[in-house]
PDB file of N, CA and C in Angstrom:
ATOM      1  N   MET A   1       7.511  -4.634  11.847  1.00  0.00           N
ATOM      2  CA  MET A   1       7.907  -4.084  10.561  1.00  0.00           C
ATOM      3  C   MET A   1       8.470  -5.224   9.700  1.00  0.00           C
ATOM      4  N   MET A   2       8.018  -5.290   8.486  1.00  0.00           N
ATOM      5  CA  MET A   2       8.466  -6.346   7.582  1.00  0.00           C
ATOM      6  C   MET A   2       9.706  -5.902   6.814  1.00  0.00           C
ATOM      7  N   THR A   3      10.547  -6.877   6.483  1.00  0.00           N
ATOM      8  CA  THR A   3      11.715  -6.584   5.660  1.00  0.00           C
ATOM      9  C   THR A   3      11.286  -6.525   4.203  1.00  0.00           C
ATOM     10  N   ASN A   4      12.175  -6.043   3.333  1.00  0.00           N
ATOM     11  CA  ASN A   4      11.862  -6.002   1.901  1.00  0.00           C
ATOM     12  C   ASN A   4      11.603  -7.400   1.353  1.00  0.00           C
ATOM     13  N   ILE A   5      12.358  -8.401   1.841  1.00  0.00           N
ATOM     14  CA  ILE A   5      12.150  -9.776   1.385  1.00  0.00           C
ATOM     15  C   ILE A   5      10.771 -10.267   1.817  1.00  0.00           C
ATOM     16  N   ASP A   6      10.377  -9.961   3.065  1.00  0.00           N
ATOM     17  CA  ASP A   6       9.053 -10.344   3.547  1.00  0.00           C
ATOM     18  C   ASP A   6       7.962  -9.683   2.711  1.00  0.00           C
ATOM     19  N   LEU A   7       8.124  -8.385   2.426  1.00  0.00           N
ATOM     20  CA  LEU A   7       7.133  -7.662   1.624  1.00  0.00           C
ATOM     21  C   LEU A   7       7.053  -8.227   0.219  1.00  0.00           C
ATOM     22  N   ASP A   8       8.193  -8.524  -0.369  1.00  0.00           N
ATOM     23  CA  ASP A   8       8.236  -9.110  -1.706  1.00  0.00           C
ATOM     24  C   ASP A   8       7.446 -10.412  -1.717  1.00  0.00           C
ATOM     25  N   SER A   9       7.708 -11.281  -0.754  1.00  0.00           N
ATOM     26  CA  SER A   9       7.003 -12.570  -0.660  1.00  0.00           C
ATOM     27  C   SER A   9       5.522 -12.370  -0.392  1.00  0.00           C
ATOM     28  N   TYR A  10       5.199 -11.419   0.493  1.00  0.00           N
ATOM     29  CA  TYR A  10       3.804 -11.148   0.826  1.00  0.00           C
ATOM     30  C   TYR A  10       3.029 -10.714  -0.421  1.00  0.00           C
ATOM     31  N   LEU A  11       3.605  -9.815  -1.206  1.00  0.00           N
ATOM     32  CA  LEU A  11       2.932  -9.372  -2.425  1.00  0.00           C
ATOM     33  C   LEU A  11       2.779 -10.531  -3.397  1.00  0.00           C
ATOM     34  N   ARG A  12       3.850 -11.297  -3.606  1.00  0.00           N
ATOM     35  CA  ARG A  12       3.780 -12.448  -4.524  1.00  0.00           C
ATOM     36  C   ARG A  12       2.734 -13.458  -4.071  1.00  0.00           C
ATOM     37  N   ASP A  13       2.697 -13.732  -2.764  1.00  0.00           N
ATOM     38  CA  ASP A  13       1.721 -14.686  -2.225  1.00  0.00           C
ATOM     39  C   ASP A  13       0.281 -14.225  -2.445  1.00  0.00           C
ATOM     40  N   ASN A  14       0.106 -12.923  -2.634  1.00  0.00           N
ATOM     41  CA  ASN A  14      -1.227 -12.370  -2.864  1.00  0.00           C
ATOM     42  C   ASN A  14      -1.471 -12.036  -4.331  1.00  0.00           C
ATOM     43  N   GLY A  15      -0.646 -12.588  -5.209  1.00  0.00           N
ATOM     44  CA  GLY A  15      -0.866 -12.442  -6.644  1.00  0.00           C
ATOM     45  C   GLY A  15      -0.453 -11.102  -7.215  1.00  0.00           C
ATOM     46  N   ILE A  16       0.469 -10.418  -6.551  1.00  0.00           N
ATOM     47  CA  ILE A  16       0.926  -9.102  -7.011  1.00  0.00           C
ATOM     48  C   ILE A  16       2.407  -9.196  -7.349  1.00  0.00           C
ATOM     49  N   MET A  17       2.754  -8.813  -8.564  1.00  0.00           N
ATOM     50  CA  MET A  17       4.159  -8.776  -8.970  1.00  0.00           C
ATOM     51  C   MET A  17       4.814  -7.564  -8.314  1.00  0.00           C
ATOM     52  N   PRO A  18       5.792  -7.785  -7.431  1.00  0.00           N
ATOM     53  CA  PRO A  18       6.412  -6.646  -6.757  1.00  0.00           C
ATOM     54  C   PRO A  18       7.292  -5.830  -7.696  1.00  0.00           C
ATOM     55  N   SER A  19       7.174  -4.529  -7.586  1.00  0.00           N
ATOM     56  CA  SER A  19       8.066  -3.594  -8.269  1.00  0.00           C
ATOM     57  C   SER A  19       8.603  -2.687  -7.172  1.00  0.00           C
ATOM     58  N   GLN A  20       9.605  -1.899  -7.483  1.00  0.00           N
ATOM     59  CA  GLN A  20      10.138  -0.981  -6.474  1.00  0.00           C
ATOM     60  C   GLN A  20       9.058  -0.027  -5.974  1.00  0.00           C
ATOM     61  N   GLN A  21       8.221   0.472  -6.904  1.00  0.00           N
ATOM     62  CA  GLN A  21       7.164   1.395  -6.500  1.00  0.00           C
ATOM     63  C   GLN A  21       6.138   0.696  -5.609  1.00  0.00           C
ATOM     64  N   ARG A  22       5.732  -0.510  -5.966  1.00  0.00           N
ATOM     65  CA  ARG A  22       4.748  -1.240  -5.158  1.00  0.00           C
ATOM     66  C   ARG A  22       5.310  -1.573  -3.787  1.00  0.00           C
ATOM     67  N   LEU A  23       6.583  -1.937  -3.723  1.00  0.00           N
ATOM     68  CA  LEU A  23       7.204  -2.228  -2.430  1.00  0.00           C
ATOM     69  C   LEU A  23       7.247  -0.971  -1.561  1.00  0.00           C
ATOM     70  N   ARG A  24       7.550   0.182  -2.146  1.00  0.00           N
ATOM     71  CA  ARG A  24       7.572   1.427  -1.386  1.00  0.00           C
ATOM     72  C   ARG A  24       6.190   1.777  -0.870  1.00  0.00           C
ATOM     73  N   ILE A  25       5.180   1.619  -1.706  1.00  0.00           N
ATOM     74  CA  ILE A  25       3.807   1.916  -1.295  1.00  0.00           C
ATOM     75  C   ILE A  25       3.367   0.934  -0.217  1.00  0.00           C
ATOM     76  N   ALA A  26       3.691  -0.334  -0.400  1.00  0.00           N
ATOM     77  CA  ALA A  26       3.345  -1.351   0.597  1.00  0.00           C
ATOM     78  C   ALA A  26       3.997  -1.036   1.936  1.00  0.00           C
ATOM     79  N   ARG A  27       5.253  -0.640   1.903  1.00  0.00           N
ATOM     80  CA  ARG A  27       5.969  -0.302   3.145  1.00  0.00           C
ATOM     81  C   ARG A  27       5.249   0.824   3.889  1.00  0.00           C
ATOM     82  N   VAL A  28       4.798   1.832   3.175  1.00  0.00           N
ATOM     83  CA  VAL A  28       4.132   2.979   3.805  1.00  0.00           C
ATOM     84  C   VAL A  28       2.800   2.578   4.424  1.00  0.00           C
ATOM     85  N   ILE A  29       1.965   1.883   3.680  1.00  0.00           N
ATOM     86  CA  ILE A  29       0.608   1.616   4.168  1.00  0.00           C
ATOM     87  C   ILE A  29       0.485   0.354   5.006  1.00  0.00           C
ATOM     88  N   LEU A  30       1.204  -0.689   4.671  1.00  0.00           N
ATOM     89  CA  LEU A  30       1.024  -1.953   5.384  1.00  0.00           C
ATOM     90  C   LEU A  30       1.660  -1.959   6.761  1.00  0.00           C
ATOM     91  N   ASP A  31       2.604  -1.062   7.012  1.00  0.00           N
ATOM     92  CA  ASP A  31       3.208  -0.974   8.337  1.00  0.00           C
ATOM     93  C   ASP A  31       2.426  -0.059   9.281  1.00  0.00           C
ATOM     94  N   LYS A  32       1.361   0.549   8.801  1.00  0.00           N
ATOM     95  CA  LYS A  32       0.551   1.455   9.614  1.00  0.00           C
ATOM     96  C   LYS A  32      -0.697   0.716  10.112  1.00  0.00           C
ATOM     97  N   SER A  33      -1.128   1.066  11.306  1.00  0.00           N
ATOM     98  CA  SER A  33      -2.343   0.448  11.834  1.00  0.00           C
ATOM     99  C   SER A  33      -3.554   1.358  11.666  1.00  0.00           C
ATOM    100  N   ASP A  34      -3.322   2.620  11.300  1.00  0.00           N
ATOM    101  CA  ASP A  34      -4.433   3.545  11.137  1.00  0.00           C
ATOM    102  C   ASP A  34      -4.696   3.835   9.661  1.00  0.00           C
ATOM    103  N   GLN A  35      -5.761   4.562   9.414  1.00  0.00           N
ATOM    104  CA  GLN A  35      -6.134   4.904   8.041  1.00  0.00           C
ATOM    105  C   GLN A  35      -5.223   5.983   7.485  1.00  0.00           C
ATOM    106  N   MET A  36      -5.051   5.928   6.173  1.00  0.00           N
ATOM    107  CA  MET A  36      -4.310   6.975   5.465  1.00  0.00           C
ATOM    108  C   MET A  36      -5.075   7.309   4.198  1.00  0.00           C
ATOM    109  N   SER A  37      -4.990   8.558   3.795  1.00  0.00           N
ATOM    110  CA  SER A  37      -5.595   8.946   2.521  1.00  0.00           C
ATOM    111  C   SER A  37      -4.604   8.649   1.411  1.00  0.00           C
ATOM    112  N   ALA A  38      -5.103   8.602   0.185  1.00  0.00           N
ATOM    113  CA  ALA A  38      -4.232   8.399  -0.964  1.00  0.00           C
ATOM    114  C   ALA A  38      -3.189   9.510  -1.030  1.00  0.00           C
ATOM    115  N   GLU A  39      -3.572  10.724  -0.681  1.00  0.00           N
ATOM    116  CA  GLU A  39      -2.642  11.855  -0.691  1.00  0.00           C
ATOM    117  C   GLU A  39      -1.547  11.674   0.358  1.00  0.00           C
ATOM    118  N   GLU A  40      -1.910  11.210   1.560  1.00  0.00           N
ATOM    119  CA  GLU A  40      -0.903  10.963   2.596  1.00  0.00           C
ATOM    120  C   GLU A  40       0.077   9.875   2.162  1.00  0.00           C
ATOM    121  N   ILE A  41      -0.438   8.846   1.542  1.00  0.00           N
ATOM    122  CA  ILE A  41       0.418   7.764   1.045  1.00  0.00           C
ATOM    123  C   ILE A  41       1.362   8.312  -0.015  1.00  0.00           C
ATOM    124  N   TYR A  42       0.821   9.085  -0.934  1.00  0.00           N
ATOM    125  CA  TYR A  42       1.630   9.699  -1.993  1.00  0.00           C
ATOM    126  C   TYR A  42       2.768  10.530  -1.399  1.00  0.00           C
ATOM    127  N   ARG A  43       2.449  11.366  -0.410  1.00  0.00           N
ATOM    128  CA  ARG A  43       3.481  12.212   0.216  1.00  0.00           C
ATOM    129  C   ARG A  43       4.536  11.367   0.931  1.00  0.00           C
ATOM    130  N   ASN A  44       4.132  10.308   1.601  1.00  0.00           N
ATOM    131  CA  ASN A  44       5.069   9.454   2.331  1.00  0.00           C
ATOM    132  C   ASN A  44       5.959   8.645   1.393  1.00  0.00           C
ATOM    133  N   VAL A  45       5.424   8.245   0.261  1.00  0.00           N
ATOM    134  CA  VAL A  45       6.198   7.467  -0.712  1.00  0.00           C
ATOM    135  C   VAL A  45       7.249   8.353  -1.371  1.00  0.00           C
ATOM    136  N   ASN A  46       6.934   9.606  -1.561  1.00  0.00           N
ATOM    137  CA  ASN A  46       7.838  10.527  -2.253  1.00  0.00           C
ATOM    138  C   ASN A  46       8.729  11.283  -1.285  1.00  0.00           C
ATOM    139  N   GLY A  47       9.479  10.518  -0.514  1.00  0.00           N
ATOM    140  CA  GLY A  47      10.457  11.106   0.392  1.00  0.00           C
ATOM    141  C   GLY A  47      11.791  11.239  -0.322  1.00  0.00           C
ATOM    142  N   PRO A  48      12.815  10.609   0.221  1.00  0.00           N
ATOM    143  CA  PRO A  48      14.165  10.755  -0.332  1.00  0.00           C
ATOM    144  C   PRO A  48      14.445   9.902  -1.563  1.00  0.00           C
ATOM    145  N   TRP A  49      13.447   9.238  -2.087  1.00  0.00           N
ATOM    146  CA  TRP A  49      13.642   8.367  -3.245  1.00  0.00           C
ATOM    147  C   TRP A  49      13.288   9.095  -4.532  1.00  0.00           C
ATOM    148  N   PRO A  50      13.541   8.490  -5.671  1.00  0.00           N
ATOM    149  CA  PRO A  50      13.018   9.041  -6.933  1.00  0.00           C
ATOM    150  C   PRO A  50      11.488   9.086  -6.859  1.00  0.00           C
ATOM    151  N   PRO A  51      10.869  10.018  -7.525  1.00  0.00           N
ATOM    152  CA  PRO A  51       9.425  10.204  -7.395  1.00  0.00           C
ATOM    153  C   PRO A  51       8.594   9.046  -7.937  1.00  0.00           C
ATOM    154  N   VAL A  52       7.427   8.892  -7.335  1.00  0.00           N
ATOM    155  CA  VAL A  52       6.406   7.949  -7.791  1.00  0.00           C
ATOM    156  C   VAL A  52       5.193   8.802  -8.131  1.00  0.00           C
ATOM    157  N   SER A  53       4.609   8.595  -9.294  1.00  0.00           N
ATOM    158  CA  SER A  53       3.486   9.437  -9.724  1.00  0.00           C
ATOM    159  C   SER A  53       2.228   9.140  -8.919  1.00  0.00           C
ATOM    160  N   ARG A  54       1.324  10.120  -8.896  1.00  0.00           N
ATOM    161  CA  ARG A  54       0.025   9.929  -8.254  1.00  0.00           C
ATOM    162  C   ARG A  54      -0.736   8.775  -8.915  1.00  0.00           C
ATOM    163  N   ALA A  55      -0.631   8.679 -10.235  1.00  0.00           N
ATOM    164  CA  ALA A  55      -1.312   7.603 -10.952  1.00  0.00           C
ATOM    165  C   ALA A  55      -0.814   6.236 -10.486  1.00  0.00           C
ATOM    166  N   THR A  56       0.493   6.102 -10.297  1.00  0.00           N
ATOM    167  CA  THR A  56       1.050   4.834  -9.818  1.00  0.00           C
ATOM    168  C   THR A  56       0.551   4.528  -8.411  1.00  0.00           C
ATOM    169  N   VAL A  57       0.530   5.534  -7.552  1.00  0.00           N
ATOM    170  CA  VAL A  57       0.022   5.336  -6.193  1.00  0.00           C
ATOM    171  C   VAL A  57      -1.445   4.907  -6.252  1.00  0.00           C
ATOM    172  N   ASN A  58      -2.271   5.639  -6.995  1.00  0.00           N
ATOM    173  CA  ASN A  58      -3.701   5.310  -7.069  1.00  0.00           C
ATOM    174  C   ASN A  58      -3.940   3.933  -7.678  1.00  0.00           C
ATOM    175  N   ASN A  59      -3.217   3.597  -8.735  1.00  0.00           N
ATOM    176  CA  ASN A  59      -3.384   2.276  -9.360  1.00  0.00           C
ATOM    177  C   ASN A  59      -2.950   1.160  -8.419  1.00  0.00           C
ATOM    178  N   THR A  60      -1.877   1.387  -7.683  1.00  0.00           N
ATOM    179  CA  THR A  60      -1.396   0.381  -6.737  1.00  0.00           C
ATOM    180  C   THR A  60      -2.375   0.216  -5.588  1.00  0.00           C
ATOM    181  N   LEU A  61      -2.912   1.309  -5.072  1.00  0.00           N
ATOM    182  CA  LEU A  61      -3.903   1.217  -4.002  1.00  0.00           C
ATOM    183  C   LEU A  61      -5.127   0.450  -4.481  1.00  0.00           C
ATOM    184  N   ARG A  62      -5.571   0.727  -5.693  1.00  0.00           N
ATOM    185  CA  ARG A  62      -6.719   0.009  -6.267  1.00  0.00           C
ATOM    186  C   ARG A  62      -6.410  -1.490  -6.357  1.00  0.00           C
ATOM    187  N   LEU A  63      -5.204  -1.833  -6.809  1.00  0.00           N
ATOM    188  CA  LEU A  63      -4.793  -3.230  -6.911  1.00  0.00           C
ATOM    189  C   LEU A  63      -4.747  -3.888  -5.537  1.00  0.00           C
ATOM    190  N   PHE A  64      -4.193  -3.202  -4.544  1.00  0.00           N
ATOM    191  CA  PHE A  64      -4.117  -3.753  -3.194  1.00  0.00           C
ATOM    192  C   PHE A  64      -5.515  -3.995  -2.614  1.00  0.00           C
ATOM    193  N   VAL A  65      -6.459  -3.112  -2.899  1.00  0.00           N
ATOM    194  CA  VAL A  65      -7.838  -3.305  -2.447  1.00  0.00           C
ATOM    195  C   VAL A  65      -8.438  -4.520  -3.161  1.00  0.00           C
ATOM    196  N   GLU A  66      -8.241  -4.581  -4.463  1.00  0.00           N
ATOM    197  CA  GLU A  66      -8.746  -5.684  -5.281  1.00  0.00           C
ATOM    198  C   GLU A  66      -8.244  -7.032  -4.764  1.00  0.00           C
ATOM    199  N   LYS A  67      -6.991  -7.082  -4.344  1.00  0.00           N
ATOM    200  CA  LYS A  67      -6.367  -8.326  -3.869  1.00  0.00           C
ATOM    201  C   LYS A  67      -6.604  -8.577  -2.386  1.00  0.00           C
ATOM    202  N   GLY A  68      -7.288  -7.646  -1.704  1.00  0.00           N
ATOM    203  CA  GLY A  68      -7.636  -7.849  -0.300  1.00  0.00           C
ATOM    204  C   GLY A  68      -6.583  -7.430   0.706  1.00  0.00           C
ATOM    205  N   LEU A  69      -5.542  -6.729   0.270  1.00  0.00           N
ATOM    206  CA  LEU A  69      -4.504  -6.276   1.196  1.00  0.00           C
ATOM    207  C   LEU A  69      -4.913  -5.019   1.945  1.00  0.00           C
ATOM    208  N   LEU A  70      -5.755  -4.203   1.325  1.00  0.00           N
ATOM    209  CA  LEU A  70      -6.248  -2.971   1.917  1.00  0.00           C
ATOM    210  C   LEU A  70      -7.768  -2.943   1.846  1.00  0.00           C
ATOM    211  N   THR A  71      -8.348  -2.126   2.700  1.00  0.00           N
ATOM    212  CA  THR A  71      -9.777  -1.852   2.603  1.00  0.00           C
ATOM    213  C   THR A  71      -9.953  -0.344   2.483  1.00  0.00           C
ATOM    214  N   GLN A  72     -11.004   0.044   1.793  1.00  0.00           N
ATOM    215  CA  GLN A  72     -11.366   1.457   1.729  1.00  0.00           C
ATOM    216  C   GLN A  72     -12.401   1.712   2.806  1.00  0.00           C
ATOM    217  N   ASP A  73     -12.355   2.891   3.400  1.00  0.00           N
ATOM    218  CA  ASP A  73     -13.281   3.252   4.465  1.00  0.00           C
ATOM    219  C   ASP A  73     -14.701   3.334   3.891  1.00  0.00           C
ATOM    220  N   PRO A  74     -15.599   2.450   4.344  1.00  0.00           N
ATOM    221  CA  PRO A  74     -16.968   2.469   3.817  1.00  0.00           C
ATOM    222  C   PRO A  74     -17.748   3.718   4.208  1.00  0.00           C
ATOM    223  N   ASN A  75     -17.280   4.444   5.231  1.00  0.00           N
ATOM    224  CA  ASN A  75     -17.950   5.670   5.671  1.00  0.00           C
ATOM    225  C   ASN A  75     -17.454   6.910   4.940  1.00  0.00           C
ATOM    226  N   ASP A  76     -16.453   6.727   4.096  1.00  0.00           N
ATOM    227  CA  ASP A  76     -15.893   7.847   3.343  1.00  0.00           C
ATOM    228  C   ASP A  76     -16.564   7.894   1.973  1.00  0.00           C
ATOM    229  N   PRO A  77     -17.410   8.895   1.719  1.00  0.00           N
ATOM    230  CA  PRO A  77     -18.139   8.931   0.449  1.00  0.00           C
ATOM    231  C   PRO A  77     -17.231   9.038  -0.778  1.00  0.00           C
ATOM    232  N   GLN A  78     -16.038   9.582  -0.609  1.00  0.00           N
ATOM    233  CA  GLN A  78     -15.117   9.704  -1.738  1.00  0.00           C
ATOM    234  C   GLN A  78     -14.228   8.473  -1.886  1.00  0.00           C
ATOM    235  N   GLY A  79     -14.224   7.596  -0.883  1.00  0.00           N
ATOM    236  CA  GLY A  79     -13.430   6.377  -0.959  1.00  0.00           C
ATOM    237  C   GLY A  79     -11.945   6.614  -1.049  1.00  0.00           C
ATOM    238  N   ILE A  80     -11.446   7.640  -0.328  1.00  0.00           N
ATOM    239  CA  ILE A  80     -10.026   7.951  -0.447  1.00  0.00           C
ATOM    240  C   ILE A  80      -9.208   7.504   0.754  1.00  0.00           C
ATOM    241  N   TYR A  81      -9.848   6.967   1.787  1.00  0.00           N
ATOM    242  CA  TYR A  81      -9.103   6.521   2.961  1.00  0.00           C
ATOM    243  C   TYR A  81      -8.941   5.015   2.927  1.00  0.00           C
ATOM    244  N   TYR A  82      -7.719   4.570   3.224  1.00  0.00           N
ATOM    245  CA  TYR A  82      -7.367   3.163   3.155  1.00  0.00           C
ATOM    246  C   TYR A  82      -6.807   2.710   4.489  1.00  0.00           C
ATOM    247  N   SER A  83      -7.036   1.468   4.822  1.00  0.00           N
ATOM    248  CA  SER A  83      -6.395   0.883   5.999  1.00  0.00           C
ATOM    249  C   SER A  83      -5.929  -0.515   5.638  1.00  0.00           C
ATOM    250  N   SER A  84      -4.877  -0.921   6.308  1.00  0.00           N
ATOM    251  CA  SER A  84      -4.311  -2.227   6.006  1.00  0.00           C
ATOM    252  C   SER A  84      -4.994  -3.297   6.839  1.00  0.00           C
ATOM    253  N   LYS A  85      -4.974  -4.475   6.294  1.00  0.00           N
ATOM    254  CA  LYS A  85      -5.440  -5.624   7.045  1.00  0.00           C
ATOM    255  C   LYS A  85      -4.220  -6.192   7.769  1.00  0.00           C
ATOM    256  N   PRO A  86      -4.456  -6.898   8.873  1.00  0.00           N
ATOM    257  CA  PRO A  86      -3.296  -7.446   9.583  1.00  0.00           C
ATOM    258  C   PRO A  86      -2.485  -8.381   8.689  1.00  0.00           C
ATOM    259  N   ILE A  87      -1.179  -8.296   8.839  1.00  0.00           N
ATOM    260  CA  ILE A  87      -0.282  -9.158   8.074  1.00  0.00           C
ATOM    261  C   ILE A  87       0.201 -10.257   9.027  1.00  0.00           C
ATOM    262  N   ASN A  88      -0.038 -11.490   8.654  1.00  0.00           N
ATOM    263  CA  ASN A  88       0.435 -12.607   9.455  1.00  0.00           C
ATOM    264  C   ASN A  88       1.822 -13.004   8.996  1.00  0.00           C
ATOM    265  N   THR A  89       2.802 -12.738   9.840  1.00  0.00           N
ATOM    266  CA  THR A  89       4.168 -13.111   9.499  1.00  0.00           C
ATOM    267  C   THR A  89       4.566 -14.322  10.304  1.00  0.00           C
ATOM    268  N   PRO A  90       5.357 -15.211   9.720  1.00  0.00           N
ATOM    269  CA  PRO A  90       5.758 -16.417  10.449  1.00  0.00           C
ATOM    270  C   PRO A  90       6.671 -16.093  11.609  1.00  0.00           C
TER     271      PRO A  90
END
């Protein structure tokens, strides 16, 4: 499990400006080894914290895919399942 500082650095190293919402989304998906749907990610992000909109979750997932942090399941015709790539921590 990565710390918030590690996640912040990881996002910056991959060309993503970290925000509280992006860090929360990253924590949910990047610490998992299995696939999650956008809806599952949305539900997990919206726990005891202030809410994060579906649009923010979807835009962040799209950005993470674009930057190579996540992959979309090629067998999913709707493209709604995401999995994380391994994170190399020092």
